[in-house]
N, C-alpha and C. Protein backbone atom coordinates (compact mmCIF):
# COMPACT_ATOMS: atom_id res chain seq x y z
N MET A 1 -189.46 -39.32 -60.38
CA MET A 1 -189.68 -37.17 -60.70
C MET A 1 -188.10 -37.33 -60.07
N LEU A 2 -187.02 -36.48 -60.77
CA LEU A 2 -185.69 -36.18 -60.19
C LEU A 2 -185.87 -34.91 -58.63
N THR A 3 -185.37 -35.66 -57.73
CA THR A 3 -185.74 -35.23 -56.01
C THR A 3 -183.77 -34.49 -56.45
N VAL A 4 -183.94 -33.11 -55.22
CA VAL A 4 -182.74 -32.96 -55.25
C VAL A 4 -182.06 -32.91 -53.54
N ASN A 5 -180.94 -33.43 -53.05
CA ASN A 5 -181.09 -33.37 -51.39
C ASN A 5 -181.28 -32.22 -51.14
N GLU A 6 -181.62 -31.42 -50.39
CA GLU A 6 -180.86 -29.87 -50.39
C GLU A 6 -180.18 -29.68 -49.45
N GLU A 7 -180.38 -30.87 -48.62
CA GLU A 7 -179.11 -30.48 -47.45
C GLU A 7 -177.70 -31.02 -47.42
N THR A 8 -177.94 -31.56 -48.46
CA THR A 8 -176.24 -32.15 -49.06
C THR A 8 -175.98 -31.90 -50.05
N CYS A 9 -176.92 -31.39 -51.27
CA CYS A 9 -176.39 -30.28 -52.52
C CYS A 9 -175.43 -29.27 -52.04
N VAL A 10 -174.29 -29.08 -52.89
CA VAL A 10 -173.56 -27.95 -52.34
C VAL A 10 -173.48 -27.12 -53.68
N GLY A 11 -174.52 -27.30 -54.98
CA GLY A 11 -174.55 -26.22 -55.54
C GLY A 11 -172.98 -25.62 -56.37
N CYS A 12 -172.70 -26.85 -56.32
CA CYS A 12 -171.36 -27.07 -57.58
C CYS A 12 -171.99 -26.91 -58.99
N GLY A 13 -173.12 -27.15 -59.34
CA GLY A 13 -173.15 -27.34 -60.69
C GLY A 13 -172.45 -28.09 -62.07
N TRP A 14 -172.42 -29.74 -60.85
CA TRP A 14 -171.31 -30.45 -61.96
C TRP A 14 -172.24 -30.97 -62.57
N CYS A 15 -173.96 -31.29 -62.11
CA CYS A 15 -174.07 -31.83 -62.62
C CYS A 15 -175.43 -31.20 -63.65
N GLN A 16 -174.73 -30.59 -63.64
CA GLN A 16 -175.75 -29.32 -64.96
C GLN A 16 -174.50 -29.58 -66.35
N THR A 17 -173.49 -29.71 -65.76
CA THR A 17 -172.30 -29.94 -66.79
C THR A 17 -172.95 -30.69 -68.18
N PHE A 18 -173.20 -31.70 -67.03
CA PHE A 18 -173.63 -32.86 -68.23
C PHE A 18 -175.23 -33.29 -68.67
N CYS A 19 -175.97 -32.44 -67.92
CA CYS A 19 -177.41 -32.97 -68.39
C CYS A 19 -177.48 -32.08 -69.94
N PRO A 20 -177.71 -33.38 -70.76
CA PRO A 20 -178.05 -33.44 -71.77
C PRO A 20 -179.17 -32.44 -72.69
N GLN A 21 -180.33 -32.34 -71.86
CA GLN A 21 -181.76 -31.07 -71.87
C GLN A 21 -181.25 -30.39 -71.51
N ASP A 22 -180.41 -29.54 -70.89
CA ASP A 22 -180.05 -28.48 -69.92
C ASP A 22 -180.93 -28.52 -69.08
N ALA A 23 -181.80 -28.53 -68.21
CA ALA A 23 -183.11 -28.91 -67.34
C ALA A 23 -182.46 -28.67 -65.92
N LEU A 24 -181.15 -28.32 -65.73
CA LEU A 24 -180.88 -28.03 -64.32
C LEU A 24 -179.47 -26.53 -64.47
N HIS A 25 -180.45 -26.13 -63.45
CA HIS A 25 -179.19 -25.03 -62.98
C HIS A 25 -178.98 -24.62 -61.88
N ALA A 26 -178.07 -24.57 -61.61
CA ALA A 26 -177.17 -24.44 -60.19
C ALA A 26 -175.85 -23.42 -60.03
N TRP A 27 -176.96 -22.64 -59.64
CA TRP A 27 -176.18 -21.37 -58.99
C TRP A 27 -175.46 -21.55 -56.90
N GLY A 28 -174.99 -21.84 -56.62
CA GLY A 28 -175.16 -22.30 -54.85
C GLY A 28 -176.29 -22.97 -54.55
N TYR A 29 -177.11 -23.09 -55.66
CA TYR A 29 -178.70 -24.08 -55.32
C TYR A 29 -178.59 -24.92 -56.14
N LEU A 30 -179.80 -25.65 -56.11
CA LEU A 30 -179.88 -26.18 -57.50
C LEU A 30 -181.86 -26.19 -58.25
N GLU A 31 -181.16 -25.81 -59.12
CA GLU A 31 -183.03 -25.68 -59.66
C GLU A 31 -182.85 -26.73 -60.60
N ILE A 32 -184.27 -27.14 -60.57
CA ILE A 32 -184.52 -28.42 -62.19
C ILE A 32 -185.72 -28.09 -62.62
N ASP A 33 -185.17 -27.48 -64.04
CA ASP A 33 -186.77 -27.58 -65.22
C ASP A 33 -187.40 -28.91 -65.44
N TYR A 34 -188.52 -29.32 -64.53
CA TYR A 34 -188.97 -30.07 -64.83
C TYR A 34 -189.52 -30.47 -66.52
N GLU A 35 -190.10 -29.63 -67.06
CA GLU A 35 -190.43 -29.28 -68.23
C GLU A 35 -189.50 -29.58 -69.18
N LYS A 36 -187.88 -29.61 -69.04
CA LYS A 36 -187.18 -29.92 -70.36
C LYS A 36 -186.33 -31.08 -69.45
N CYS A 37 -186.61 -31.85 -68.05
CA CYS A 37 -185.70 -33.07 -67.57
C CYS A 37 -186.96 -34.07 -68.17
N ASP A 38 -186.05 -35.17 -69.54
CA ASP A 38 -186.62 -36.08 -69.32
C ASP A 38 -186.66 -37.59 -68.56
N GLU A 39 -185.28 -37.73 -67.74
CA GLU A 39 -185.18 -38.11 -66.46
C GLU A 39 -184.22 -39.43 -66.79
N CYS A 40 -183.14 -38.29 -67.80
CA CYS A 40 -182.32 -39.39 -68.39
C CYS A 40 -181.18 -40.32 -67.52
N LEU A 41 -181.67 -39.68 -65.95
CA LEU A 41 -180.88 -40.15 -65.05
C LEU A 41 -178.98 -39.49 -65.08
N VAL A 42 -178.42 -38.97 -65.96
CA VAL A 42 -177.41 -38.61 -66.23
C VAL A 42 -176.39 -37.84 -64.98
N CYS A 43 -177.41 -36.98 -64.97
CA CYS A 43 -177.62 -36.23 -63.62
C CYS A 43 -176.65 -37.01 -62.22
N ILE A 44 -177.20 -38.21 -62.11
CA ILE A 44 -177.38 -38.74 -60.60
C ILE A 44 -176.03 -39.32 -60.64
N GLU A 45 -175.02 -39.91 -62.19
CA GLU A 45 -174.53 -40.76 -61.72
C GLU A 45 -172.43 -39.56 -61.38
N PHE A 46 -173.25 -38.32 -62.15
CA PHE A 46 -171.82 -37.19 -61.79
C PHE A 46 -172.55 -35.98 -60.13
N CYS A 47 -173.32 -36.49 -60.04
CA CYS A 47 -173.40 -35.84 -58.55
C CYS A 47 -171.78 -36.43 -57.69
N PRO A 48 -171.24 -34.82 -57.23
CA PRO A 48 -170.44 -36.21 -56.30
C PRO A 48 -170.95 -35.72 -54.67
N THR A 49 -172.30 -35.19 -54.30
CA THR A 49 -172.09 -35.35 -53.08
C THR A 49 -173.38 -36.40 -53.04
N ASP A 50 -173.96 -37.42 -54.48
CA ASP A 50 -175.21 -38.04 -54.01
C ASP A 50 -176.01 -37.31 -53.44
N SER A 51 -176.07 -36.11 -54.21
CA SER A 51 -176.93 -35.30 -54.00
C SER A 51 -178.58 -35.89 -54.86
N LEU A 52 -179.10 -36.55 -55.97
CA LEU A 52 -179.98 -37.17 -56.74
C LEU A 52 -180.27 -37.82 -56.67
N SER A 53 -181.93 -37.84 -57.01
CA SER A 53 -182.27 -39.38 -56.65
C SER A 53 -183.97 -39.24 -57.36
N MET A 54 -184.20 -40.13 -57.78
CA MET A 54 -185.30 -40.49 -58.08
C MET A 54 -186.42 -40.69 -57.21
N THR A 55 -187.69 -40.30 -57.65
CA THR A 55 -188.99 -40.73 -56.23
C THR A 55 -189.73 -40.72 -57.79
N ASN A 56 -190.99 -41.88 -57.36
CA ASN A 56 -192.20 -41.85 -57.33
C ASN A 56 -193.09 -41.14 -57.62
N SER A 57 -193.12 -39.96 -56.90
CA SER A 57 -193.93 -39.11 -56.93
C SER A 57 -193.63 -38.28 -58.28
């Protein structure tokens, strides 16, 4: 499951720009639409603060 570290995420929206499923929405903070997310991990690659990661939950 894709998770966001809310302590380091600045809500810049850079990950949202590259999400091919339109599953991320950032406006000062990041929201993940888990129904749309296919865990392609593109967002993790482009996150400038390394705030996104995968967990086993």
